[in-house]
PDB file of N, CA and C in Angstrom:
ATOM      1  N   MET A   1      -7.604 -23.503  31.358  1.00  0.00           N
ATOM      2  CA  MET A   1      -7.679 -22.391  32.244  1.00  0.00           C
ATOM      3  C   MET A   1      -9.015 -21.852  31.899  1.00  0.00           C
ATOM      4  N   ALA A   2      -9.720 -21.237  33.042  1.00  0.00           N
ATOM      5  CA  ALA A   2     -11.125 -21.054  33.109  1.00  0.00           C
ATOM      6  C   ALA A   2     -11.037 -19.529  32.630  1.00  0.00           C
ATOM      7  N   GLU A   3     -12.143 -19.082  32.141  1.00  0.00           N
ATOM      8  CA  GLU A   3     -12.400 -17.788  31.174  1.00  0.00           C
ATOM      9  C   GLU A   3     -12.506 -16.868  32.160  1.00  0.00           C
ATOM     10  N   HIS A   4     -12.097 -15.479  32.220  1.00  0.00           N
ATOM     11  CA  HIS A   4     -12.017 -14.550  32.964  1.00  0.00           C
ATOM     12  C   HIS A   4     -13.503 -14.113  32.830  1.00  0.00           C
ATOM     13  N   SER A   5     -14.200 -13.841  33.806  1.00  0.00           N
ATOM     14  CA  SER A   5     -15.550 -13.323  33.503  1.00  0.00           C
ATOM     15  C   SER A   5     -15.538 -12.140  33.825  1.00  0.00           C
ATOM     16  N   LYS A   6     -16.465 -11.592  33.127  1.00  0.00           N
ATOM     17  CA  LYS A   6     -16.648  -9.864  32.947  1.00  0.00           C
ATOM     18  C   LYS A   6     -17.163  -9.336  34.108  1.00  0.00           C
ATOM     19  N   LYS A   7     -17.725 -10.316  35.141  1.00  0.00           N
ATOM     20  CA  LYS A   7     -18.585  -9.723  36.392  1.00  0.00           C
ATOM     21  C   LYS A   7     -17.250  -9.051  37.444  1.00  0.00           C
ATOM     22  N   GLY A   8     -16.075  -9.554  37.447  1.00  0.00           N
ATOM     23  CA  GLY A   8     -14.842  -9.313  38.188  1.00  0.00           C
ATOM     24  C   GLY A   8     -14.696  -7.663  37.792  1.00  0.00           C
ATOM     25  N   SER A   9     -14.542  -7.169  36.578  1.00  0.00           N
ATOM     26  CA  SER A   9     -14.138  -6.044  36.018  1.00  0.00           C
ATOM     27  C   SER A   9     -15.337  -5.242  36.255  1.00  0.00           C
ATOM     28  N   ASP A  10     -16.409  -5.223  36.603  1.00  0.00           N
ATOM     29  CA  ASP A  10     -17.795  -4.615  36.722  1.00  0.00           C
ATOM     30  C   ASP A  10     -17.987  -4.270  38.230  1.00  0.00           C
ATOM     31  N   THR A  11     -16.991  -4.393  38.902  1.00  0.00           N
ATOM     32  CA  THR A  11     -17.389  -3.928  40.339  1.00  0.00           C
ATOM     33  C   THR A  11     -17.396  -2.697  40.859  1.00  0.00           C
ATOM     34  N   PHE A  12     -17.643  -2.409  41.748  1.00  0.00           N
ATOM     35  CA  PHE A  12     -17.901  -0.858  42.008  1.00  0.00           C
ATOM     36  C   PHE A  12     -16.499  -0.303  42.246  1.00  0.00           C
ATOM     37  N   ILE A  13     -15.488  -0.914  42.970  1.00  0.00           N
ATOM     38  CA  ILE A  13     -14.288  -0.469  43.243  1.00  0.00           C
ATOM     39  C   ILE A  13     -13.609  -0.324  41.823  1.00  0.00           C
ATOM     40  N   SER A  14     -13.857  -1.536  41.206  1.00  0.00           N
ATOM     41  CA  SER A  14     -13.191  -1.155  39.793  1.00  0.00           C
ATOM     42  C   SER A  14     -13.537  -0.216  38.891  1.00  0.00           C
ATOM     43  N   ARG A  15     -14.796   0.439  38.959  1.00  0.00           N
ATOM     44  CA  ARG A  15     -15.348   1.453  38.300  1.00  0.00           C
ATOM     45  C   ARG A  15     -14.680   2.585  38.813  1.00  0.00           C
ATOM     46  N   ILE A  16     -14.588   2.798  40.203  1.00  0.00           N
ATOM     47  CA  ILE A  16     -14.210   3.733  40.864  1.00  0.00           C
ATOM     48  C   ILE A  16     -12.683   3.949  40.391  1.00  0.00           C
ATOM     49  N   LEU A  17     -11.797   3.201  40.431  1.00  0.00           N
ATOM     50  CA  LEU A  17     -10.353   3.000  39.984  1.00  0.00           C
ATOM     51  C   LEU A  17     -10.248   3.445  38.564  1.00  0.00           C
ATOM     52  N   ASN A  18     -11.355   3.047  37.821  1.00  0.00           N
ATOM     53  CA  ASN A  18     -11.000   3.432  36.560  1.00  0.00           C
ATOM     54  C   ASN A  18     -11.213   4.690  36.357  1.00  0.00           C
ATOM     55  N   LYS A  19     -12.442   5.369  36.961  1.00  0.00           N
ATOM     56  CA  LYS A  19     -12.807   6.751  36.956  1.00  0.00           C
ATOM     57  C   LYS A  19     -11.406   7.571  37.353  1.00  0.00           C
ATOM     58  N   VAL A  20     -10.907   7.263  38.263  1.00  0.00           N
ATOM     59  CA  VAL A  20      -9.480   7.859  38.989  1.00  0.00           C
ATOM     60  C   VAL A  20      -8.586   7.891  37.911  1.00  0.00           C
ATOM     61  N   GLU A  21      -8.462   6.813  37.329  1.00  0.00           N
ATOM     62  CA  GLU A  21      -7.351   6.803  36.393  1.00  0.00           C
ATOM     63  C   GLU A  21      -7.463   7.453  35.057  1.00  0.00           C
ATOM     64  N   TRP A  22      -8.804   7.560  34.766  1.00  0.00           N
ATOM     65  CA  TRP A  22      -9.118   8.406  33.478  1.00  0.00           C
ATOM     66  C   TRP A  22      -9.179   9.812  33.879  1.00  0.00           C
ATOM     67  N   LEU A  23      -9.340  10.311  35.131  1.00  0.00           N
ATOM     68  CA  LEU A  23      -9.311  11.607  35.567  1.00  0.00           C
ATOM     69  C   LEU A  23      -7.758  11.911  35.647  1.00  0.00           C
ATOM     70  N   GLY A  24      -6.763  11.313  36.268  1.00  0.00           N
ATOM     71  CA  GLY A  24      -5.305  11.098  36.202  1.00  0.00           C
ATOM     72  C   GLY A  24      -4.718  11.528  34.798  1.00  0.00           C
ATOM     73  N   ASN A  25      -5.379  10.791  33.979  1.00  0.00           N
ATOM     74  CA  ASN A  25      -4.653  10.758  32.542  1.00  0.00           C
ATOM     75  C   ASN A  25      -5.184  12.114  32.188  1.00  0.00           C
ATOM     76  N   ARG A  26      -6.206  12.726  32.424  1.00  0.00           N
ATOM     77  CA  ARG A  26      -6.371  14.000  31.814  1.00  0.00           C
ATOM     78  C   ARG A  26      -5.865  15.323  32.503  1.00  0.00           C
ATOM     79  N   LEU A  27      -5.028  15.127  33.638  1.00  0.00           N
ATOM     80  CA  LEU A  27      -4.092  15.975  33.950  1.00  0.00           C
ATOM     81  C   LEU A  27      -3.157  16.586  33.378  1.00  0.00           C
ATOM     82  N   PRO A  28      -2.998  17.804  33.257  1.00  0.00           N
ATOM     83  CA  PRO A  28      -1.877  18.284  32.487  1.00  0.00           C
ATOM     84  C   PRO A  28      -0.519  18.393  33.152  1.00  0.00           C
ATOM     85  N   ASP A  29       0.635  18.394  32.299  1.00  0.00           N
ATOM     86  CA  ASP A  29       2.006  18.333  32.796  1.00  0.00           C
ATOM     87  C   ASP A  29       2.019  19.067  34.383  1.00  0.00           C
ATOM     88  N   PRO A  30       2.658  18.477  35.394  1.00  0.00           N
ATOM     89  CA  PRO A  30       3.151  19.187  36.723  1.00  0.00           C
ATOM     90  C   PRO A  30       3.639  20.715  36.494  1.00  0.00           C
ATOM     91  N   PHE A  31       4.412  20.756  35.652  1.00  0.00           N
ATOM     92  CA  PHE A  31       4.892  22.448  35.322  1.00  0.00           C
ATOM     93  C   PHE A  31       3.665  23.263  34.843  1.00  0.00           C
ATOM     94  N   MET A  32       2.716  22.456  33.939  1.00  0.00           N
ATOM     95  CA  MET A  32       1.727  23.571  33.604  1.00  0.00           C
ATOM     96  C   MET A  32       0.618  23.843  34.828  1.00  0.00           C
ATOM     97  N   LEU A  33       0.831  23.029  35.525  1.00  0.00           N
ATOM     98  CA  LEU A  33      -0.196  22.798  36.708  1.00  0.00           C
ATOM     99  C   LEU A  33       0.295  24.041  37.703  1.00  0.00           C
ATOM    100  N   PHE A  34       1.597  23.935  38.207  1.00  0.00           N
ATOM    101  CA  PHE A  34       2.077  24.941  38.749  1.00  0.00           C
ATOM    102  C   PHE A  34       2.229  26.464  38.201  1.00  0.00           C
ATOM    103  N   ALA A  35       2.571  26.397  36.934  1.00  0.00           N
ATOM    104  CA  ALA A  35       2.301  27.854  36.388  1.00  0.00           C
ATOM    105  C   ALA A  35       1.052  28.275  36.340  1.00  0.00           C
ATOM    106  N   SER A  36      -0.066  27.466  36.063  1.00  0.00           N
ATOM    107  CA  SER A  36      -1.444  27.877  36.131  1.00  0.00           C
ATOM    108  C   SER A  36      -1.786  28.225  37.509  1.00  0.00           C
ATOM    109  N   LEU A  37      -1.391  27.730  38.502  1.00  0.00           N
ATOM    110  CA  LEU A  37      -1.733  28.124  40.027  1.00  0.00           C
ATOM    111  C   LEU A  37      -1.069  29.313  40.282  1.00  0.00           C
ATOM    112  N   ALA A  38       0.151  29.373  40.051  1.00  0.00           N
ATOM    113  CA  ALA A  38       1.052  30.677  40.229  1.00  0.00           C
ATOM    114  C   ALA A  38       0.124  32.095  39.663  1.00  0.00           C
ATOM    115  N   ILE A  39      -0.378  31.987  38.458  1.00  0.00           N
ATOM    116  CA  ILE A  39      -0.997  32.952  37.475  1.00  0.00           C
ATOM    117  C   ILE A  39      -2.365  33.192  38.414  1.00  0.00           C
ATOM    118  N   LEU A  40      -2.987  32.171  38.923  1.00  0.00           N
ATOM    119  CA  LEU A  40      -4.250  31.986  39.442  1.00  0.00           C
ATOM    120  C   LEU A  40      -4.088  32.895  40.793  1.00  0.00           C
ATOM    121  N   VAL A  41      -2.939  32.612  41.575  1.00  0.00           N
ATOM    122  CA  VAL A  41      -2.713  33.523  42.866  1.00  0.00           C
ATOM    123  C   VAL A  41      -2.603  34.658  42.478  1.00  0.00           C
ATOM    124  N   ILE A  42      -1.743  34.838  41.379  1.00  0.00           N
ATOM    125  CA  ILE A  42      -1.528  36.542  41.254  1.00  0.00           C
ATOM    126  C   ILE A  42      -2.822  37.388  40.599  1.00  0.00           C
ATOM    127  N   LEU A  43      -3.614  36.408  39.884  1.00  0.00           N
ATOM    128  CA  LEU A  43      -4.951  37.196  39.705  1.00  0.00           C
ATOM    129  C   LEU A  43      -5.806  37.612  40.900  1.00  0.00           C
ATOM    130  N   PHE A  44      -5.979  36.550  41.565  1.00  0.00           N
ATOM    131  CA  PHE A  44      -6.500  36.759  42.653  1.00  0.00           C
ATOM    132  C   PHE A  44      -6.182  37.659  43.660  1.00  0.00           C
ATOM    133  N   SER A  45      -4.771  37.910  43.846  1.00  0.00           N
ATOM    134  CA  SER A  45      -4.185  38.923  44.614  1.00  0.00           C
ATOM    135  C   SER A  45      -4.655  40.298  44.166  1.00  0.00           C
ATOM    136  N   TRP A  46      -4.767  40.437  42.695  1.00  0.00           N
ATOM    137  CA  TRP A  46      -5.045  41.748  42.026  1.00  0.00           C
ATOM    138  C   TRP A  46      -6.508  42.199  42.125  1.00  0.00           C
ATOM    139  N   ILE A  47      -7.705  41.072  42.193  1.00  0.00           N
ATOM    140  CA  ILE A  47      -8.517  40.868  42.341  1.00  0.00           C
ATOM    141  C   ILE A  47      -9.161  41.779  43.939  1.00  0.00           C
ATOM    142  N   ILE A  48      -8.683  40.831  44.832  1.00  0.00           N
ATOM    143  CA  ILE A  48      -8.766  41.231  46.113  1.00  0.00           C
ATOM    144  C   ILE A  48      -8.291  42.501  46.709  1.00  0.00           C
ATOM    145  N   ALA A  49      -6.951  42.828  46.036  1.00  0.00           N
ATOM    146  CA  ALA A  49      -6.511  44.356  46.481  1.00  0.00           C
ATOM    147  C   ALA A  49      -7.441  45.151  45.762  1.00  0.00           C
ATOM    148  N   SER A  50      -7.934  45.243  44.645  1.00  0.00           N
ATOM    149  CA  SER A  50      -8.727  46.043  44.331  1.00  0.00           C
ATOM    150  C   SER A  50     -10.067  46.292  45.055  1.00  0.00           C
ATOM    151  N   PHE A  51     -10.343  45.617  45.855  1.00  0.00           N
ATOM    152  CA  PHE A  51     -11.490  45.968  46.757  1.00  0.00           C
ATOM    153  C   PHE A  51     -11.016  46.539  48.185  1.00  0.00           C
ATOM    154  N   ASP A  52      -9.737  46.273  48.379  1.00  0.00           N
ATOM    155  CA  ASP A  52      -9.152  47.043  49.656  1.00  0.00           C
ATOM    156  C   ASP A  52      -9.386  46.210  50.874  1.00  0.00           C
ATOM    157  N   VAL A  53      -9.113  44.977  50.745  1.00  0.00           N
ATOM    158  CA  VAL A  53      -9.504  43.929  51.845  1.00  0.00           C
ATOM    159  C   VAL A  53      -8.289  44.036  52.431  1.00  0.00           C
ATOM    160  N   THR A  54      -8.709  44.012  54.091  1.00  0.00           N
ATOM    161  CA  THR A  54      -7.703  43.806  55.353  1.00  0.00           C
ATOM    162  C   THR A  54      -7.993  42.806  56.049  1.00  0.00           C
ATOM    163  N   PHE A  55      -7.030  42.164  56.766  1.00  0.00           N
ATOM    164  CA  PHE A  55      -7.197  41.199  57.900  1.00  0.00           C
ATOM    165  C   PHE A  55      -6.382  41.517  58.987  1.00  0.00           C
ATOM    166  N   LEU A  56      -6.581  41.098  60.003  1.00  0.00           N
ATOM    167  CA  LEU A  56      -5.747  41.144  61.459  1.00  0.00           C
ATOM    168  C   LEU A  56      -4.882  39.838  61.429  1.00  0.00           C
ATOM    169  N   GLN A  57      -3.647  39.902  61.386  1.00  0.00           N
ATOM    170  CA  GLN A  57      -2.804  39.009  61.568  1.00  0.00           C
ATOM    171  C   GLN A  57      -2.472  38.605  62.823  1.00  0.00           C
ATOM    172  N   PRO A  58      -2.537  37.307  63.099  1.00  0.00           N
ATOM    173  CA  PRO A  58      -2.577  36.708  64.319  1.00  0.00           C
ATOM    174  C   PRO A  58      -1.165  37.578  65.227  1.00  0.00           C
ATOM    175  N   GLY A  59      -1.711  38.159  66.403  1.00  0.00           N
ATOM    176  CA  GLY A  59      -0.363  38.303  67.243  1.00  0.00           C
ATOM    177  C   GLY A  59       0.069  39.811  67.153  1.00  0.00           C
ATOM    178  N   GLU A  60      -0.763  40.429  66.422  1.00  0.00           N
ATOM    179  CA  GLU A  60      -0.405  42.017  65.690  1.00  0.00           C
ATOM    180  C   GLU A  60      -1.775  42.534  65.558  1.00  0.00           C
ATOM    181  N   GLU A  61      -1.490  44.291  66.115  1.00  0.00           N
ATOM    182  CA  GLU A  61      -2.719  44.689  66.486  1.00  0.00           C
ATOM    183  C   GLU A  61      -3.192  45.336  65.263  1.00  0.00           C
ATOM    184  N   LYS A  62      -2.220  45.918  64.339  1.00  0.00           N
ATOM    185  CA  LYS A  62      -2.861  46.592  63.108  1.00  0.00           C
ATOM    186  C   LYS A  62      -3.201  45.640  62.219  1.00  0.00           C
ATOM    187  N   PRO A  63      -4.207  46.378  61.256  1.00  0.00           N
ATOM    188  CA  PRO A  63      -4.503  45.442  60.061  1.00  0.00           C
ATOM    189  C   PRO A  63      -3.720  45.633  59.005  1.00  0.00           C
ATOM    190  N   VAL A  64      -3.492  44.509  58.400  1.00  0.00           N
ATOM    191  CA  VAL A  64      -2.569  44.391  57.193  1.00  0.00           C
ATOM    192  C   VAL A  64      -3.372  44.192  55.805  1.00  0.00           C
ATOM    193  N   ALA A  65      -3.072  45.016  54.951  1.00  0.00           N
ATOM    194  CA  ALA A  65      -3.961  45.234  53.744  1.00  0.00           C
ATOM    195  C   ALA A  65      -3.295  44.238  52.614  1.00  0.00           C
ATOM    196  N   ILE A  66      -4.218  43.544  51.773  1.00  0.00           N
ATOM    197  CA  ILE A  66      -3.700  42.850  50.637  1.00  0.00           C
ATOM    198  C   ILE A  66      -3.295  43.704  49.454  1.00  0.00           C
ATOM    199  N   LYS A  67      -2.096  43.197  49.193  1.00  0.00           N
ATOM    200  CA  LYS A  67      -1.270  43.959  48.350  1.00  0.00           C
ATOM    201  C   LYS A  67      -1.325  43.421  47.037  1.00  0.00           C
ATOM    202  N   SER A  68      -1.541  44.077  45.800  1.00  0.00           N
ATOM    203  CA  SER A  68      -1.493  43.346  44.277  1.00  0.00           C
ATOM    204  C   SER A  68      -0.172  42.810  44.041  1.00  0.00           C
ATOM    205  N   LEU A  69      -0.040  41.485  43.335  1.00  0.00           N
ATOM    206  CA  LEU A  69       1.243  41.177  42.761  1.00  0.00           C
ATOM    207  C   LEU A  69       1.198  41.304  41.494  1.00  0.00           C
ATOM    208  N   VAL A  70       0.278  42.198  40.890  1.00  0.00           N
ATOM    209  CA  VAL A  70       0.300  42.764  39.539  1.00  0.00           C
ATOM    210  C   VAL A  70       1.259  44.022  39.541  1.00  0.00           C
ATOM    211  N   SER A  71       0.943  44.727  40.319  1.00  0.00           N
ATOM    212  CA  SER A  71       1.817  46.024  40.631  1.00  0.00           C
ATOM    213  C   SER A  71       3.211  45.993  40.476  1.00  0.00           C
ATOM    214  N   ALA A  72       3.848  47.030  40.156  1.00  0.00           N
ATOM    215  CA  ALA A  72       5.390  47.021  40.174  1.00  0.00           C
ATOM    216  C   ALA A  72       6.156  46.551  41.454  1.00  0.00           C
ATOM    217  N   GLU A  73       5.374  47.185  42.623  1.00  0.00           N
ATOM    218  CA  GLU A  73       5.876  46.667  43.937  1.00  0.00           C
ATOM    219  C   GLU A  73       5.552  45.189  44.122  1.00  0.00           C
ATOM    220  N   GLY A  74       4.537  44.562  43.673  1.00  0.00           N
ATOM    221  CA  GLY A  74       4.412  42.954  43.908  1.00  0.00           C
ATOM    222  C   GLY A  74       5.136  42.410  42.843  1.00  0.00           C
ATOM    223  N   ILE A  75       5.644  42.588  41.698  1.00  0.00           N
ATOM    224  CA  ILE A  75       6.509  41.993  40.802  1.00  0.00           C
ATOM    225  C   ILE A  75       7.822  41.906  41.428  1.00  0.00           C
ATOM    226  N   GLN A  76       8.269  42.814  42.003  1.00  0.00           N
ATOM    227  CA  GLN A  76       9.405  43.364  42.735  1.00  0.00           C
ATOM    228  C   GLN A  76       9.548  42.336  43.951  1.00  0.00           C
ATOM    229  N   TYR A  77       8.493  42.206  44.586  1.00  0.00           N
ATOM    230  CA  TYR A  77       8.528  41.331  45.824  1.00  0.00           C
ATOM    231  C   TYR A  77       8.734  39.919  45.310  1.00  0.00           C
ATOM    232  N   MET A  78       7.668  39.466  44.429  1.00  0.00           N
ATOM    233  CA  MET A  78       8.057  38.121  43.770  1.00  0.00           C
ATOM    234  C   MET A  78       9.407  37.881  43.402  1.00  0.00           C
ATOM    235  N   LEU A  79      10.081  38.695  42.788  1.00  0.00           N
ATOM    236  CA  LEU A  79      11.418  38.287  42.306  1.00  0.00           C
ATOM    237  C   LEU A  79      12.375  38.454  43.557  1.00  0.00           C
ATOM    238  N   ILE A  80      12.176  39.274  44.404  1.00  0.00           N
ATOM    239  CA  ILE A  80      13.212  39.450  45.461  1.00  0.00           C
ATOM    240  C   ILE A  80      13.139  38.296  46.184  1.00  0.00           C
ATOM    241  N   SER A  81      11.981  37.804  46.775  1.00  0.00           N
ATOM    242  CA  SER A  81      11.491  36.768  47.723  1.00  0.00           C
ATOM    243  C   SER A  81      11.596  35.236  47.202  1.00  0.00           C
ATOM    244  N   MET A  82      11.672  35.199  45.846  1.00  0.00           N
ATOM    245  CA  MET A  82      11.850  34.051  45.425  1.00  0.00           C
ATOM    246  C   MET A  82      12.880  33.115  45.854  1.00  0.00           C
ATOM    247  N   LEU A  83      13.824  33.269  46.087  1.00  0.00           N
ATOM    248  CA  LEU A  83      15.056  32.435  46.357  1.00  0.00           C
ATOM    249  C   LEU A  83      14.863  32.043  48.126  1.00  0.00           C
ATOM    250  N   GLU A  84      14.565  33.163  48.931  1.00  0.00           N
ATOM    251  CA  GLU A  84      14.285  32.962  50.025  1.00  0.00           C
ATOM    252  C   GLU A  84      13.042  31.979  50.358  1.00  0.00           C
ATOM    253  N   ASN A  85      12.032  31.863  49.362  1.00  0.00           N
ATOM    254  CA  ASN A  85      10.730  31.076  49.618  1.00  0.00           C
ATOM    255  C   ASN A  85      11.438  29.569  49.336  1.00  0.00           C
ATOM    256  N   PHE A  86      12.177  29.183  48.316  1.00  0.00           N
ATOM    257  CA  PHE A  86      12.756  27.891  47.858  1.00  0.00           C
ATOM    258  C   PHE A  86      13.563  27.503  49.136  1.00  0.00           C
ATOM    259  N   VAL A  87      14.386  28.507  49.310  1.00  0.00           N
ATOM    260  CA  VAL A  87      15.520  27.761  50.423  1.00  0.00           C
ATOM    261  C   VAL A  87      14.671  27.864  51.799  1.00  0.00           C
ATOM    262  N   GLY A  88      13.683  28.382  52.113  1.00  0.00           N
ATOM    263  CA  GLY A  88      13.182  28.363  53.416  1.00  0.00           C
ATOM    264  C   GLY A  88      11.870  27.094  53.373  1.00  0.00           C
ATOM    265  N   PHE A  89      11.670  26.595  52.342  1.00  0.00           N
ATOM    266  CA  PHE A  89      10.774  25.532  52.077  1.00  0.00           C
ATOM    267  C   PHE A  89      11.496  24.271  52.598  1.00  0.00           C
ATOM    268  N   LYS A  90      11.344  23.818  53.661  1.00  0.00           N
ATOM    269  CA  LYS A  90      12.009  22.525  54.290  1.00  0.00           C
ATOM    270  C   LYS A  90      12.236  21.273  53.618  1.00  0.00           C
ATOM    271  N   PRO A  91      10.917  20.780  52.732  1.00  0.00           N
ATOM    272  CA  PRO A  91      11.224  19.352  52.283  1.00  0.00           C
ATOM    273  C   PRO A  91      11.821  19.422  50.939  1.00  0.00           C
ATOM    274  N   LEU A  92      12.107  20.843  50.689  1.00  0.00           N
ATOM    275  CA  LEU A  92      12.924  20.854  49.212  1.00  0.00           C
ATOM    276  C   LEU A  92      14.263  20.171  49.208  1.00  0.00           C
ATOM    277  N   GLY A  93      15.048  20.221  50.357  1.00  0.00           N
ATOM    278  CA  GLY A  93      16.216  19.714  50.295  1.00  0.00           C
ATOM    279  C   GLY A  93      16.173  18.351  50.226  1.00  0.00           C
ATOM    280  N   ILE A  94      15.516  17.580  51.213  1.00  0.00           N
ATOM    281  CA  ILE A  94      14.995  16.272  51.138  1.00  0.00           C
ATOM    282  C   ILE A  94      14.634  15.587  49.560  1.00  0.00           C
ATOM    283  N   VAL A  95      13.894  16.517  48.969  1.00  0.00           N
ATOM    284  CA  VAL A  95      13.321  16.071  47.625  1.00  0.00           C
ATOM    285  C   VAL A  95      14.473  16.202  46.389  1.00  0.00           C
ATOM    286  N   LEU A  96      15.312  17.275  46.610  1.00  0.00           N
ATOM    287  CA  LEU A  96      16.592  17.143  45.772  1.00  0.00           C
ATOM    288  C   LEU A  96      17.071  16.097  45.891  1.00  0.00           C
ATOM    289  N   ALA A  97      17.633  15.924  47.341  1.00  0.00           N
ATOM    290  CA  ALA A  97      18.609  14.872  47.318  1.00  0.00           C
ATOM    291  C   ALA A  97      17.982  13.661  46.995  1.00  0.00           C
ATOM    292  N   ILE A  98      16.798  12.890  47.054  1.00  0.00           N
ATOM    293  CA  ILE A  98      16.162  11.972  46.683  1.00  0.00           C
ATOM    294  C   ILE A  98      16.077  11.932  45.281  1.00  0.00           C
ATOM    295  N   MET A  99      15.993  13.040  44.458  1.00  0.00           N
ATOM    296  CA  MET A  99      15.994  13.109  43.428  1.00  0.00           C
ATOM    297  C   MET A  99      17.291  13.035  42.655  1.00  0.00           C
ATOM    298  N   LEU A 100      18.404  13.645  43.250  1.00  0.00           N
ATOM    299  CA  LEU A 100      19.821  13.136  42.771  1.00  0.00           C
ATOM    300  C   LEU A 100      20.089  11.858  42.942  1.00  0.00           C
ATOM    301  N   GLY A 101      19.809  10.885  43.949  1.00  0.00           N
ATOM    302  CA  GLY A 101      20.170   9.788  44.227  1.00  0.00           C
ATOM    303  C   GLY A 101      19.545   8.870  43.265  1.00  0.00           C
ATOM    304  N   ILE A 102      18.280   9.188  42.962  1.00  0.00           N
ATOM    305  CA  ILE A 102      17.602   8.157  41.885  1.00  0.00           C
ATOM    306  C   ILE A 102      17.782   8.412  40.428  1.00  0.00           C
ATOM    307  N   GLY A 103      18.292   9.671  40.123  1.00  0.00           N
ATOM    308  CA  GLY A 103      18.922   9.787  38.778  1.00  0.00           C
ATOM    309  C   GLY A 103      20.324   9.388  38.804  1.00  0.00           C
ATOM    310  N   LEU A 104      21.187   9.295  39.862  1.00  0.00           N
ATOM    311  CA  LEU A 104      22.310   8.462  39.640  1.00  0.00           C
ATOM    312  C   LEU A 104      22.327   6.938  39.615  1.00  0.00           C
ATOM    313  N   ALA A 105      21.184   6.414  40.347  1.00  0.00           N
ATOM    314  CA  ALA A 105      21.102   5.017  40.349  1.00  0.00           C
ATOM    315  C   ALA A 105      20.616   4.882  38.833  1.00  0.00           C
ATOM    316  N   ASP A 106      19.637   5.237  38.522  1.00  0.00           N
ATOM    317  CA  ASP A 106      19.174   5.291  36.994  1.00  0.00           C
ATOM    318  C   ASP A 106      20.519   5.240  35.948  1.00  0.00           C
ATOM    319  N   LYS A 107      21.494   6.253  36.076  1.00  0.00           N
ATOM    320  CA  LYS A 107      22.489   6.450  34.930  1.00  0.00           C
ATOM    321  C   LYS A 107      23.499   4.964  35.177  1.00  0.00           C
ATOM    322  N   VAL A 108      23.775   4.839  36.387  1.00  0.00           N
ATOM    323  CA  VAL A 108      24.801   3.732  36.464  1.00  0.00           C
ATOM    324  C   VAL A 108      24.210   2.605  36.532  1.00  0.00           C
ATOM    325  N   GLY A 109      22.884   2.089  36.157  1.00  0.00           N
ATOM    326  CA  GLY A 109      22.189   1.131  35.965  1.00  0.00           C
ATOM    327  C   GLY A 109      21.643   0.184  36.949  1.00  0.00           C
ATOM    328  N   LEU A 110      21.864   0.887  38.308  1.00  0.00           N
ATOM    329  CA  LEU A 110      21.343   0.093  39.526  1.00  0.00           C
ATOM    330  C   LEU A 110      20.034  -0.407  39.590  1.00  0.00           C
ATOM    331  N   ILE A 111      19.226   0.575  39.079  1.00  0.00           N
ATOM    332  CA  ILE A 111      17.755   0.281  39.265  1.00  0.00           C
ATOM    333  C   ILE A 111      17.229  -0.849  38.144  1.00  0.00           C
ATOM    334  N   GLU A 112      17.908  -0.849  36.701  1.00  0.00           N
ATOM    335  CA  GLU A 112      17.652  -2.153  36.078  1.00  0.00           C
ATOM    336  C   GLU A 112      17.944  -3.208  36.628  1.00  0.00           C
ATOM    337  N   THR A 113      19.434  -3.220  36.931  1.00  0.00           N
ATOM    338  CA  THR A 113      19.847  -4.370  37.643  1.00  0.00           C
ATOM    339  C   THR A 113      19.021  -5.197  38.865  1.00  0.00           C
ATOM    340  N   PHE A 114      18.577  -4.047  39.618  1.00  0.00           N
ATOM    341  CA  PHE A 114      17.662  -4.507  40.757  1.00  0.00           C
ATOM    342  C   PHE A 114      16.401  -5.131  40.487  1.00  0.00           C
ATOM    343  N   ILE A 115      15.947  -4.606  39.382  1.00  0.00           N
ATOM    344  CA  ILE A 115      14.531  -5.038  38.916  1.00  0.00           C
ATOM    345  C   ILE A 115      14.805  -6.332  38.058  1.00  0.00           C
ATOM    346  N   LYS A 116      15.815  -6.405  37.075  1.00  0.00           N
ATOM    347  CA  LYS A 116      16.203  -8.050  36.675  1.00  0.00           C
ATOM    348  C   LYS A 116      16.554  -9.154  37.602  1.00  0.00           C
ATOM    349  N   SER A 117      17.282  -8.488  38.817  1.00  0.00           N
ATOM    350  CA  SER A 117      17.298  -9.529  39.906  1.00  0.00           C
ATOM    351  C   SER A 117      16.067 -10.022  40.512  1.00  0.00           C
ATOM    352  N   THR A 118      15.344  -9.077  40.787  1.00  0.00           N
ATOM    353  CA  THR A 118      13.987  -9.433  41.629  1.00  0.00           C
ATOM    354  C   THR A 118      13.164 -10.101  40.544  1.00  0.00           C
ATOM    355  N   ILE A 119      13.357 -10.002  39.386  1.00  0.00           N
ATOM    356  CA  ILE A 119      12.346 -10.836  38.413  1.00  0.00           C
ATOM    357  C   ILE A 119      12.787 -12.292  38.416  1.00  0.00           C
ATOM    358  N   LEU A 120      14.125 -12.157  38.484  1.00  0.00           N
ATOM    359  CA  LEU A 120      14.695 -13.387  38.152  1.00  0.00           C
ATOM    360  C   LEU A 120      14.769 -14.547  39.318  1.00  0.00           C
ATOM    361  N   LYS A 121      14.582 -13.695  40.660  1.00  0.00           N
ATOM    362  CA  LYS A 121      14.490 -14.605  42.026  1.00  0.00           C
ATOM    363  C   LYS A 121      12.881 -14.859  42.242  1.00  0.00           C
ATOM    364  N   ALA A 122      12.125 -14.346  41.039  1.00  0.00           N
ATOM    365  CA  ALA A 122      10.644 -14.656  41.634  1.00  0.00           C
ATOM    366  C   ALA A 122      10.344 -16.070  41.307  1.00  0.00           C
ATOM    367  N   PRO A 123       9.311 -16.550  42.017  1.00  0.00           N
ATOM    368  CA  PRO A 123       9.081 -17.988  41.760  1.00  0.00           C
ATOM    369  C   PRO A 123       8.181 -18.188  40.652  1.00  0.00           C
ATOM    370  N   LYS A 124       8.392 -19.160  39.649  1.00  0.00           N
ATOM    371  CA  LYS A 124       7.981 -19.409  38.289  1.00  0.00           C
ATOM    372  C   LYS A 124       6.298 -19.386  38.611  1.00  0.00           C
ATOM    373  N   GLY A 125       5.946 -19.946  39.780  1.00  0.00           N
ATOM    374  CA  GLY A 125       4.296 -20.114  39.653  1.00  0.00           C
ATOM    375  C   GLY A 125       3.673 -18.765  40.020  1.00  0.00           C
TER     376      GLY A 125
END
């Protein structure tokens, strides 16, 4: 067998992919990302509300003021509208159904059997 040359691993695309992999490995857990972004939104709402920022919502004549999520009213709004937000998020049902299906397939051994049968059917060459 010929020795694998080092030139193939030093290509431009290989360096880019290595950098993407390095950055991806440095990302925190998805839950921590979600929690951090939620806290960031709450803090931004507090900062923007302290400057009394208003905007015109399309289709309405009256300006709408930004409300702080740090206030008692804001915390109450977050807790009351939480269920409505999750139920109203259309892709959530599809994601939950797929997660249930994959979890069930994993528990009964279907995924492991599929992988083994695929490997056994692969040509030796």
